[in-house]
Structures are given as structure tokens and as C-alpha cells.
Amino acid sequence: MTNSLDLEHLRTLIAIAECGGFSKAAAVRHISQPALSQHVRQLERGLKRKLFERDGRNMRFTHEGERVLAEARRIIEVHDTSLRRLEAERDRTIVVGSTEHSAEQILPEMIRALQAAFPGCATRFEIGRSTQLTEAVNKGTVDFAFVLDPSGQGAGHLVGELPLVWYAARGWSPEPSCQLVAFEEPCGLRERALTVLAGQGHRVEVVGQSTTLEGVLAGVRAGLGVALLPSAGGRPQGLTVHSELPDAGTTHLRMVARRGLSADVEQTALSAGTDFFAQRPHLQLVSRGA
């Protein structure tokens, strides 16, 4: 008996069964009828069993032929499923979202983790605001994203917490009024800053706003006012920390994942995020799976 089965010969066998005859199967397989008959003869010689017998003017499967046909269907199904899966993995692109605040801090860790876990996958990054990224994840255009959640009530995996720090240009003073540079609404950090300052009796005026972190920092460096931003220990160039302003607490960093994302990708992403905090004990670490 043969040590291997030719997949094309098995496909021919299946085509004969599905088409109800040799001539129609040859047309479907885009080969000549003599070539199709040769496939059958080679299978019969290799397996040392007769697969067809004449039934009047037609050919029908023998009992052994029916058994081989059943095995052929199983083999082709497994082969084609594996091929589709491998092709999908080869062409797979993982889309990662991150806010500007966490991009510089977490994305290098994420790149390394994804490349190690999924070497055959391409990775594309989307940088944006938390509200936009959450919407993209819900729509399925982003696989997962790291977003800020100042309210502490957002969805997704709680990865860790970042302290909120007041930054301003050298020489800036909150008197007589506290000028604030903030992100455009809706923005949880903006709401937190206004609430905290007003709660301590400061008269607050929003003097500058932007949709991007660079825009906010540019306004602060120009001396327009103070900004409330999350920190992982570094300090934006050219700015100073104003600790005399009221403590604004922390913001949660969450990972939100689209529905249907494979568990291995989601867990790898979550591990990369929590590992970032584990390597920085001065930040508040949340245990994995929280």
C-alpha cells in the first residue's frame, strides 16, 4: 500500500462523488477525462483496492471506494482548514490603539511583546484620544487600546494608575486667576482639572485647548497656563511641576479590547501593560486580570 496520498487525486475522487460522474467531474476539475481516470487508477494501485465498479452504463463507488471517499473528505477538510488558518495568520495585522500619554511609555513594551508572541503578524498603531480609541475598538477597527479613565468607571481591563501632575512654564503663577490649558471636550482630564481647582476656590479660565498632547504642551510652554497631565516619572521638557496646586489624584489606565479578539492576543497585550507597571514600583500596579 502507498505511503502517501496525492491531494489532487483525493480532490478528483470527491468531485466524482459530488458531480455524479466522471465527465462532469473532469469539467469541474478543469482536466481531461483520461487524466481524471488516471487519477483514479493511481489511487487504486497505491491503495491496492478497487474504488469503482460498472453499473450498467455508469460507474459507481464500491464499498471500499466509499470508505476511501470518506477518508478523502476528512483529509481535504483538515488540509484546507489548516491552509486557511496559516494564511490568515501570515496576513494578520494587529491594530493597537494608544493615547499620546501612554504611547511613549507603553508602546515600546507592546511592540516587543507582540513581535515575540506573534512573529508572523504585522502590527499597526493608532494614536488618538481615549474617547476616539474606545469608539474605534467598539466598531472593531482597532483590536485593543490603552486609554485613560480619570473617572475610574470605564470598561475594560484595569492595568494600572498614573499620578496626575500640574505642569507649567517656569515663572508661571496661578494668581490672580488660574489659567488652564486643556484638551478639547469631551475630556476627563479637563473635567478633573476644573473640578479640583474650583473645589479649592481657584477662579479658573480655560485659555487654550487642543485635540493633541503636543498642542497642549505647546500652549503650556508658551506660558499660557497650567495643564493637568498623567505622569510615569518623566517631565515634559521645559516645564516645571507646580505642587502648590491641589492634589488631583490619579487616572486609571485601562485596556479595552474589541469583541471577538482572540484570547492569546488579548492576554499578551494585557501582560505587556501590567509588566510596564511591574518594572516601575513608584507607579501603582494593578494585578493581572483585574
Protein backbone atom coordinates (compact mmCIF):
# COMPACT_ATOMS: atom_id res chain seq x y z
CA MET A 1 0.00 0.00 0.00
CA THR A 2 1.14 3.54 -0.75
CA ASN A 3 2.91 5.54 1.95
CA SER A 4 1.19 8.79 0.93
CA LEU A 5 -1.93 10.06 -0.79
CA ASP A 6 -1.93 12.68 -3.51
CA LEU A 7 -4.25 15.52 -2.52
CA GLU A 8 -5.20 16.23 -6.14
CA HIS A 9 -6.21 12.61 -6.61
CA LEU A 10 -8.36 12.82 -3.48
CA ARG A 11 -9.98 16.01 -4.79
CA THR A 12 -10.79 14.15 -8.00
CA LEU A 13 -12.46 11.38 -6.01
CA ILE A 14 -14.61 13.91 -4.14
CA ALA A 15 -15.50 15.70 -7.39
CA ILE A 16 -16.73 12.43 -8.93
CA ALA A 17 -18.98 11.85 -5.92
CA GLU A 18 -20.34 15.41 -5.93
CA CYS A 19 -20.82 15.65 -9.70
CA GLY A 20 -22.29 12.18 -10.11
CA GLY A 21 -19.93 11.01 -12.83
CA PHE A 22 -16.52 11.15 -14.45
CA SER A 23 -17.27 13.55 -17.31
CA LYS A 24 -18.84 16.25 -15.13
CA ALA A 25 -16.09 15.87 -12.53
CA ALA A 26 -13.44 16.34 -15.22
CA ALA A 27 -15.11 19.59 -16.30
CA VAL A 28 -15.26 20.86 -12.73
CA ARG A 29 -11.64 19.92 -12.12
CA HIS A 30 -10.58 21.52 -15.43
CA ILE A 31 -8.79 18.38 -16.60
CA SER A 32 -9.44 15.90 -19.38
CA GLN A 33 -11.46 12.77 -18.70
CA PRO A 34 -8.46 10.50 -19.44
CA ALA A 35 -6.41 12.48 -16.89
CA LEU A 36 -9.22 12.11 -14.35
CA SER A 37 -9.39 8.35 -14.99
CA GLN A 38 -5.63 8.22 -14.48
CA HIS A 39 -6.06 9.82 -11.03
CA VAL A 40 -8.47 7.05 -10.11
CA ARG A 41 -6.18 4.30 -11.41
CA GLN A 42 -3.21 5.69 -9.48
CA LEU A 43 -5.28 5.76 -6.29
CA GLU A 44 -6.42 2.18 -6.86
CA ARG A 45 -2.86 0.98 -7.48
CA GLY A 46 -1.49 2.79 -4.46
CA LEU A 47 -4.24 1.59 -2.11
CA LYS A 48 -4.44 -1.87 -3.71
CA ARG A 49 -8.22 -1.83 -3.83
CA LYS A 50 -10.88 -1.24 -6.45
CA LEU A 51 -12.73 2.03 -5.95
CA PHE A 52 -15.32 1.87 -8.76
CA GLU A 53 -17.39 -0.76 -10.48
CA ARG A 54 -19.60 -0.57 -13.53
CA ASP A 55 -23.34 -0.23 -13.01
CA GLY A 56 -24.87 -0.52 -16.47
CA ARG A 57 -23.54 2.40 -18.49
CA ASN A 58 -22.38 4.24 -15.35
CA MET A 59 -19.66 3.80 -12.74
CA ARG A 60 -20.41 3.64 -9.02
CA PHE A 61 -18.31 3.51 -5.87
CA THR A 62 -17.50 0.10 -4.45
CA HIS A 63 -17.77 -0.48 -0.72
CA GLU A 64 -14.00 0.13 -0.46
CA GLY A 65 -14.42 3.20 -2.65
CA GLU A 66 -16.98 4.65 -0.24
CA ARG A 67 -14.55 4.15 2.64
CA VAL A 68 -11.75 5.87 0.75
CA LEU A 69 -14.12 8.71 -0.22
CA ALA A 70 -14.98 9.31 3.44
CA GLU A 71 -11.30 9.48 4.34
CA ALA A 72 -10.63 11.76 1.37
CA ARG A 73 -13.26 14.23 2.61
CA ARG A 74 -11.68 14.28 6.08
CA ILE A 75 -8.15 14.75 4.74
CA ILE A 76 -9.10 17.58 2.38
CA GLU A 77 -11.14 19.35 5.06
CA VAL A 78 -8.24 19.26 7.56
CA HIS A 79 -5.74 20.31 4.89
CA ASP A 80 -7.81 23.25 3.60
CA THR A 81 -8.72 24.44 7.10
CA SER A 82 -5.07 24.42 8.15
CA LEU A 83 -4.06 26.25 4.99
CA ARG A 84 -6.67 28.96 5.58
CA ARG A 85 -5.58 29.33 9.19
CA LEU A 86 -1.89 29.60 8.30
CA GLU A 87 -2.61 32.07 5.52
CA ALA A 88 -4.77 34.16 7.84
CA GLU A 89 -2.01 34.23 10.46
CA ARG A 90 0.56 35.20 7.85
CA ASP A 91 -1.53 38.12 6.62
CA ARG A 92 -2.77 39.09 10.05
CA THR A 93 -2.34 42.66 11.22
CA ILE A 94 -2.83 43.53 14.87
CA VAL A 95 -4.10 47.09 15.28
CA VAL A 96 -3.09 48.67 18.60
CA GLY A 97 -4.51 51.93 19.90
CA SER A 98 -2.90 54.19 22.46
CA THR A 99 -3.37 57.67 23.81
CA GLU A 100 -0.50 60.08 23.29
CA HIS A 101 0.16 59.98 27.05
CA SER A 102 0.72 56.22 27.12
CA ALA A 103 2.19 55.79 23.63
CA GLU A 104 5.72 56.85 24.58
CA GLN A 105 5.57 54.88 27.82
CA ILE A 106 3.85 51.61 26.89
CA LEU A 107 4.13 51.12 23.12
CA PRO A 108 7.82 50.08 23.16
CA GLU A 109 6.92 47.30 25.61
CA MET A 110 3.93 46.38 23.46
CA ILE A 111 5.98 46.19 20.26
CA ARG A 112 8.47 43.81 21.84
CA ALA A 113 5.74 41.62 23.36
CA LEU A 114 3.73 41.32 20.15
CA GLN A 115 6.76 40.63 17.98
CA ALA A 116 7.88 37.88 20.34
CA ALA A 117 4.43 36.28 20.64
CA PHE A 118 3.29 36.67 17.01
CA PRO A 119 6.39 36.84 14.79
CA GLY A 120 4.33 36.29 11.64
CA CYS A 121 1.99 39.21 12.28
CA ALA A 122 2.27 42.82 11.23
CA THR A 123 1.44 45.49 13.80
CA ARG A 124 -0.18 48.85 13.13
CA PHE A 125 -0.63 51.59 15.72
CA GLU A 126 -3.37 54.16 16.09
CA ILE A 127 -2.61 57.17 18.32
CA GLY A 128 -5.56 59.24 19.49
CA ARG A 129 -7.73 60.43 22.31
CA SER A 130 -9.31 57.95 24.69
CA THR A 131 -12.86 58.65 23.53
CA GLN A 132 -11.92 58.15 19.87
CA LEU A 133 -9.96 54.97 20.55
CA THR A 134 -12.75 53.44 22.64
CA GLU A 135 -15.19 54.11 19.82
CA ALA A 136 -12.80 52.53 17.30
CA VAL A 137 -12.48 49.42 19.49
CA ASN A 138 -16.27 49.18 19.76
CA LYS A 139 -16.54 49.41 15.96
CA GLY A 140 -13.87 46.71 15.54
CA THR A 141 -11.39 48.86 13.57
CA VAL A 142 -8.86 48.69 16.44
CA ASP A 143 -8.10 45.35 18.13
CA PHE A 144 -7.25 46.79 21.54
CA ALA A 145 -6.27 50.13 23.01
CA PHE A 146 -4.75 51.63 26.14
CA VAL A 147 -6.94 54.52 27.24
CA LEU A 148 -7.10 56.91 30.18
CA ASP A 149 -10.05 56.71 32.55
CA PRO A 150 -10.00 59.59 35.07
CA SER A 151 -13.48 58.62 36.30
CA GLY A 152 -12.35 55.13 37.31
CA GLN A 153 -15.60 53.69 35.98
CA GLY A 154 -14.66 52.78 32.43
CA ALA A 155 -14.89 49.39 30.76
CA GLY A 156 -12.05 47.00 30.01
CA HIS A 157 -9.09 45.66 31.97
CA LEU A 158 -7.69 47.91 34.67
CA VAL A 159 -3.93 47.89 34.03
CA GLY A 160 -2.63 50.47 36.48
CA GLU A 161 -2.81 54.05 37.70
CA LEU A 162 -0.80 57.12 36.72
CA PRO A 163 -0.43 60.15 39.01
CA LEU A 164 -1.85 63.41 37.68
CA VAL A 165 0.63 66.28 37.77
CA TRP A 166 0.29 70.04 37.20
CA TYR A 167 2.80 71.31 34.62
CA ALA A 168 3.53 74.93 33.69
CA ALA A 169 6.31 77.03 32.21
CA ARG A 170 8.94 78.45 34.51
CA GLY A 171 7.76 81.65 36.17
CA TRP A 172 4.06 80.93 35.70
CA SER A 173 1.81 81.72 38.68
CA PRO A 174 -1.80 80.70 39.41
CA GLU A 175 -2.57 84.19 40.75
CA PRO A 176 -4.76 86.17 40.40
CA SER A 177 -6.62 83.54 38.33
CA CYS A 178 -5.67 80.03 37.30
CA GLN A 179 -5.30 79.83 33.54
CA LEU A 180 -5.81 76.31 32.26
CA VAL A 181 -4.58 74.74 29.01
CA ALA A 182 -6.56 71.59 28.29
CA PHE A 183 -7.75 69.12 25.71
CA GLU A 184 -10.90 69.93 23.81
CA GLU A 185 -14.10 68.45 25.21
CA PRO A 186 -15.08 65.76 25.86
CA CYS A 187 -12.08 65.11 28.09
CA GLY A 188 -11.96 63.50 31.53
CA LEU A 189 -8.65 65.22 32.41
CA ARG A 190 -10.15 68.61 31.64
CA GLU A 191 -13.16 67.89 33.85
CA ARG A 192 -10.89 66.69 36.67
CA ALA A 193 -8.74 69.83 36.47
CA LEU A 194 -11.73 72.19 36.53
CA THR A 195 -13.36 70.30 39.40
CA VAL A 196 -10.22 70.15 41.56
CA LEU A 197 -9.27 73.81 41.05
CA ALA A 198 -12.78 75.11 41.58
CA GLY A 199 -13.11 72.94 44.69
CA GLN A 200 -10.12 74.72 46.20
CA GLY A 201 -11.55 78.15 45.46
CA HIS A 202 -9.47 78.95 42.39
CA ARG A 203 -11.01 81.12 39.72
CA VAL A 204 -10.35 79.08 36.58
CA GLU A 205 -10.17 80.26 32.99
CA VAL A 206 -9.54 77.93 30.02
CA VAL A 207 -7.13 79.98 27.94
CA GLY A 208 -6.03 77.33 25.47
CA GLN A 209 -7.24 73.99 24.17
CA SER A 210 -6.12 71.40 21.65
CA THR A 211 -7.05 67.97 20.32
CA THR A 212 -3.46 66.73 20.73
CA LEU A 213 -0.93 66.42 23.53
CA GLU A 214 1.64 68.38 21.55
CA GLY A 215 -0.85 71.21 21.19
CA VAL A 216 -1.49 71.30 24.93
CA LEU A 217 2.24 71.21 25.70
CA ALA A 218 2.91 73.98 23.20
CA GLY A 219 0.37 76.19 24.94
CA VAL A 220 1.88 75.47 28.34
CA ARG A 221 5.46 76.10 27.13
CA ALA A 222 4.26 79.43 25.73
CA GLY A 223 3.26 80.44 29.23
CA LEU A 224 -0.48 80.49 28.58
CA GLY A 225 -1.31 78.47 31.67
CA VAL A 226 -1.08 75.18 33.55
CA ALA A 227 -2.05 71.71 32.33
CA LEU A 228 -3.04 68.59 34.25
CA LEU A 229 -1.38 65.54 32.71
CA PRO A 230 -0.61 61.94 33.71
CA SER A 231 2.99 61.12 34.50
CA ALA A 232 5.09 57.97 34.53
CA GLY A 233 8.01 59.66 36.23
CA GLY A 234 9.36 61.81 33.43
CA ARG A 235 8.77 65.53 32.97
CA PRO A 236 7.99 67.31 29.68
CA GLN A 237 11.00 69.31 28.50
CA GLY A 238 11.00 72.94 29.56
CA LEU A 239 8.16 72.60 32.10
CA THR A 240 8.09 72.59 35.87
CA VAL A 241 5.82 70.80 38.34
CA HIS A 242 3.50 73.05 40.35
CA SER A 243 2.99 71.05 43.53
CA GLU A 244 1.40 74.02 45.31
CA LEU A 245 -1.78 73.38 43.33
CA PRO A 246 -4.26 70.91 44.88
CA ASP A 247 -3.61 67.18 44.57
CA ALA A 248 -5.55 65.88 41.56
CA GLY A 249 -5.11 62.18 42.39
CA THR A 250 -4.55 59.59 39.69
CA THR A 251 -6.07 58.40 36.46
CA HIS A 252 -6.75 54.78 35.65
CA LEU A 253 -5.11 53.25 32.61
CA ARG A 254 -7.33 50.63 31.03
CA MET A 255 -7.01 48.23 28.15
CA VAL A 256 -10.16 47.85 26.08
CA ALA A 257 -10.41 45.04 23.52
CA ARG A 258 -12.79 44.54 20.63
CA ARG A 259 -15.40 41.83 20.79
CA GLY A 260 -14.12 38.59 19.28
CA LEU A 261 -10.41 39.34 19.74
CA SER A 262 -8.52 36.08 20.24
CA ALA A 263 -7.68 35.33 23.85
CA ASP A 264 -3.95 34.92 23.18
CA VAL A 265 -3.64 38.41 21.66
CA GLU A 266 -5.67 39.98 24.45
CA GLN A 267 -3.67 38.28 27.20
CA THR A 268 -0.33 39.16 25.57
CA ALA A 269 -1.38 42.81 25.37
CA LEU A 270 -2.58 42.85 28.96
CA SER A 271 0.63 41.23 30.18
CA ALA A 272 2.74 43.83 28.36
CA GLY A 273 0.76 46.60 30.03
CA THR A 274 0.98 45.21 33.53
CA ASP A 275 4.67 44.34 33.07
CA PHE A 276 5.30 48.01 32.34
CA PHE A 277 3.94 48.89 35.80
CA ALA A 278 5.67 45.96 37.48
CA GLN A 279 9.03 47.37 36.34
CA ARG A 280 8.17 50.78 37.80
CA PRO A 281 7.37 50.30 41.51
CA HIS A 282 6.75 54.03 42.02
CA LEU A 283 3.60 53.63 39.94
CA GLN A 284 0.50 51.92 41.27
CA LEU A 285 0.31 48.38 39.91
CA VAL A 286 -2.94 46.54 39.43
CA SER A 287 -2.73 42.75 39.38
CA ARG A 288 -3.31 40.97 36.09
CA GLY A 289 -6.84 40.05 35.26
CA ALA A 290 -8.29 42.79 37.44
